[in-house]
């Protein structure tokens, strides 16, 4: 990871996706944690527990005070988009220009220090951040940045996933905390 400023891990495989998944192990946790402490920015994008491996992934997330849970949120039925609505809130430090996002089938998060909630919905944590050493982490229980949810073909225009993706990238690439 030497020379990298941002590291992104998306939707960890489980045996249904890959008969030989490469789970996070203690050496990975140490290397990634050391890299974050030295100034790296880590983005963790899991999925709901039916669609990704969380147990081993949580060994890494837990190093930053974050746990992806088996509680699934925003279980959208058909095209009832309002069920997937996520509101970042005013003055959100990451999603500065975004008012409404769409995420479905999200793993809720639980937190302990140093992690802090970034976006909540109905009492559940959807996005979290953590500062560690010179680096930082952002975590979300859904890999929501894929084609049909950012390209304007599927979602109603009220959902600003493309704008949210731009906000996230700017935060990821920003120097310092």
Protein backbone atom coordinates (compact mmCIF):
# COMPACT_ATOMS: atom_id res chain seq x y z
CA UNK A 1 0.00 0.00 0.00
CA UNK A 2 3.07 2.17 0.02
CA UNK A 3 2.45 5.23 -2.12
CA UNK A 4 -1.34 4.94 -1.97
CA UNK A 5 -3.37 7.61 -0.21
CA UNK A 6 -6.79 5.90 -0.46
CA UNK A 7 -7.66 2.22 -0.10
CA UNK A 8 -11.17 0.96 -0.87
CA UNK A 9 -12.59 -2.43 0.11
CA UNK A 10 -15.99 -3.25 -1.38
CA UNK A 11 -18.48 -6.06 -0.71
CA UNK A 12 -16.27 -8.81 0.79
CA UNK A 13 -16.86 -12.18 -0.87
CA UNK A 14 -18.44 -15.09 0.90
CA UNK A 15 -18.59 -18.69 -0.33
CA UNK A 16 -21.78 -18.09 -2.32
CA UNK A 17 -19.94 -15.51 -4.45
CA UNK A 18 -16.56 -17.17 -4.53
CA UNK A 19 -15.83 -20.79 -3.55
CA UNK A 20 -12.40 -19.67 -2.28
CA UNK A 21 -12.88 -16.22 -0.75
CA UNK A 22 -9.85 -14.39 0.59
CA UNK A 23 -10.93 -13.34 4.06
CA UNK A 24 -9.31 -10.56 6.05
CA UNK A 25 -6.69 -12.05 8.37
CA UNK A 26 -4.72 -10.66 11.34
CA UNK A 27 -1.75 -9.67 9.14
CA UNK A 28 -4.11 -7.70 6.86
CA UNK A 29 -5.64 -5.94 9.86
CA UNK A 30 -2.21 -4.93 11.15
CA UNK A 31 -0.94 -3.73 7.76
CA UNK A 32 -4.07 -1.71 7.00
CA UNK A 33 -4.31 -0.27 10.52
CA UNK A 34 -0.65 0.78 10.42
CA UNK A 35 -1.20 2.35 6.99
CA UNK A 36 -4.22 4.34 8.24
CA UNK A 37 -2.31 5.49 11.33
CA UNK A 38 0.45 6.74 9.01
CA UNK A 39 -2.04 8.92 7.10
CA UNK A 40 -4.03 6.67 4.78
CA UNK A 41 -7.73 7.06 4.05
CA UNK A 42 -9.75 3.83 4.09
CA UNK A 43 -13.24 3.34 2.64
CA UNK A 44 -15.07 0.20 3.81
CA UNK A 45 -18.20 -0.65 1.81
CA UNK A 46 -19.85 -3.84 3.02
CA UNK A 47 -23.32 -5.06 2.10
CA UNK A 48 -26.20 -6.63 3.96
CA UNK A 49 -25.31 -9.93 5.64
CA UNK A 50 -27.09 -11.99 2.96
CA UNK A 51 -24.81 -10.59 0.27
CA UNK A 52 -21.32 -10.42 1.79
CA UNK A 53 -19.05 -11.89 4.44
CA UNK A 54 -19.13 -9.80 7.61
CA UNK A 55 -17.50 -11.90 10.34
CA UNK A 56 -13.91 -11.68 9.08
CA UNK A 57 -14.45 -8.22 7.58
CA UNK A 58 -15.44 -7.04 11.05
CA UNK A 59 -11.97 -7.94 12.36
CA UNK A 60 -10.69 -5.09 10.19
CA UNK A 61 -13.61 -2.70 10.78
CA UNK A 62 -13.39 -3.40 14.52
CA UNK A 63 -9.83 -2.05 14.61
CA UNK A 64 -11.44 1.34 13.95
CA UNK A 65 -14.40 0.90 16.32
CA UNK A 66 -16.87 -0.10 13.60
CA UNK A 67 -18.95 -3.26 13.31
CA UNK A 68 -21.23 -4.23 10.43
CA UNK A 69 -24.27 -6.01 11.85
CA UNK A 70 -26.74 -8.62 10.61
CA UNK A 71 -29.50 -6.02 10.86
CA UNK A 72 -30.55 -5.08 7.33
CA UNK A 73 -32.03 -1.66 6.63
CA UNK A 74 -33.80 -0.11 3.66
CA UNK A 75 -35.29 -3.34 2.38
CA UNK A 76 -36.89 -1.78 -0.71
CA UNK A 77 -39.85 -3.56 -2.27
CA UNK A 78 -39.95 -3.30 -6.06
CA UNK A 79 -39.50 0.36 -7.03
CA UNK A 80 -40.72 1.91 -3.76
CA UNK A 81 -37.68 4.20 -3.71
CA UNK A 82 -38.72 6.10 -0.61
CA UNK A 83 -37.89 2.95 1.39
CA UNK A 84 -34.25 3.45 0.39
CA UNK A 85 -34.08 7.16 1.14
CA UNK A 86 -31.07 8.37 3.14
CA UNK A 87 -30.72 12.00 4.22
CA UNK A 88 -27.14 13.10 4.98
CA UNK A 89 -28.32 16.15 6.91
CA UNK A 90 -27.31 19.77 6.87
CA UNK A 91 -23.60 20.53 7.39
CA UNK A 92 -22.55 16.94 6.78
CA UNK A 93 -18.71 16.99 6.69
CA UNK A 94 -18.53 14.43 3.86
CA UNK A 95 -21.74 14.88 1.86
CA UNK A 96 -21.56 18.67 1.71
CA UNK A 97 -23.76 19.23 -1.36
CA UNK A 98 -26.04 16.20 -1.20
CA UNK A 99 -29.55 16.40 0.20
CA UNK A 100 -30.97 12.96 -0.57
CA UNK A 101 -29.39 9.61 -1.41
CA UNK A 102 -30.69 6.14 -2.21
CA UNK A 103 -29.21 3.04 -0.58
CA UNK A 104 -30.93 -0.31 -0.24
CA UNK A 105 -30.26 -3.51 1.71
CA UNK A 106 -27.78 -1.88 4.08
CA UNK A 107 -25.98 -3.48 7.01
CA UNK A 108 -26.55 -1.29 10.08
CA UNK A 109 -23.42 -0.30 12.01
CA UNK A 110 -22.56 -0.33 15.69
CA UNK A 111 -19.75 1.87 16.96
CA UNK A 112 -17.29 2.39 19.76
CA UNK A 113 -14.31 4.74 20.02
CA UNK A 114 -12.79 6.15 17.89
CA UNK A 115 -15.69 5.74 15.42
CA UNK A 116 -18.47 8.32 15.14
CA UNK A 117 -21.77 8.28 13.34
CA UNK A 118 -21.92 10.24 10.09
CA UNK A 119 -25.46 9.42 8.91
CA UNK A 120 -28.30 7.85 10.88
CA UNK A 121 -31.74 6.73 9.82
CA UNK A 122 -34.50 6.08 12.33
CA UNK A 123 -31.98 5.42 15.11
CA UNK A 124 -29.70 3.17 13.07
CA UNK A 125 -26.21 4.13 11.92
CA UNK A 126 -25.70 3.92 8.15
CA UNK A 127 -22.36 5.73 7.65
CA UNK A 128 -19.54 6.15 10.18
CA UNK A 129 -16.11 7.72 10.29
CA UNK A 130 -13.08 7.16 12.49
CA UNK A 131 -9.85 9.07 12.95
CA UNK A 132 -6.76 7.10 13.86
CA UNK A 133 -3.27 8.54 14.00
CA UNK A 134 -2.84 10.71 10.91
CA UNK A 135 -5.46 8.78 8.93
CA UNK A 136 -9.18 8.26 8.69
CA UNK A 137 -11.80 5.70 7.84
CA UNK A 138 -15.30 5.93 6.43
CA UNK A 139 -17.64 2.94 6.46
CA UNK A 140 -21.06 2.17 5.01
CA UNK A 141 -23.06 -1.06 4.98
CA UNK A 142 -23.77 -0.97 1.22
CA UNK A 143 -21.69 -0.72 -1.97
CA UNK A 144 -24.13 1.91 -3.28
CA UNK A 145 -21.90 3.46 -5.97
CA UNK A 146 -22.81 1.26 -8.88
CA UNK A 147 -24.07 2.08 -12.34
CA UNK A 148 -27.87 2.13 -12.09
CA UNK A 149 -27.76 4.17 -8.90
CA UNK A 150 -25.42 6.91 -10.08
CA UNK A 151 -25.99 7.22 -13.84
CA UNK A 152 -29.52 8.67 -13.74
CA UNK A 153 -31.17 5.78 -15.60
CA UNK A 154 -33.01 4.11 -12.72
CA UNK A 155 -33.50 6.47 -9.80
CA UNK A 156 -35.87 9.43 -9.73
CA UNK A 157 -33.95 12.72 -10.05
CA UNK A 158 -34.61 13.63 -6.40
CA UNK A 159 -31.95 11.07 -5.40
CA UNK A 160 -28.52 12.64 -5.72
CA UNK A 161 -26.29 9.56 -5.70
CA UNK A 162 -23.99 10.96 -8.39
CA UNK A 163 -23.55 14.18 -6.42
CA UNK A 164 -23.00 12.08 -3.27
CA UNK A 165 -20.32 10.09 -5.09
CA UNK A 166 -18.58 13.35 -6.03
CA UNK A 167 -18.77 14.55 -2.41
CA UNK A 168 -17.35 11.25 -1.17
CA UNK A 169 -14.46 11.29 -3.65
CA UNK A 170 -13.58 14.87 -2.67
CA UNK A 171 -13.53 13.82 1.00
CA UNK A 172 -11.44 10.73 0.25
CA UNK A 173 -8.86 12.74 -1.68
CA UNK A 174 -8.74 15.69 0.73
CA UNK A 175 -5.44 15.98 2.57
CA UNK A 176 -5.63 15.95 6.34
CA UNK A 177 -8.60 15.33 8.58
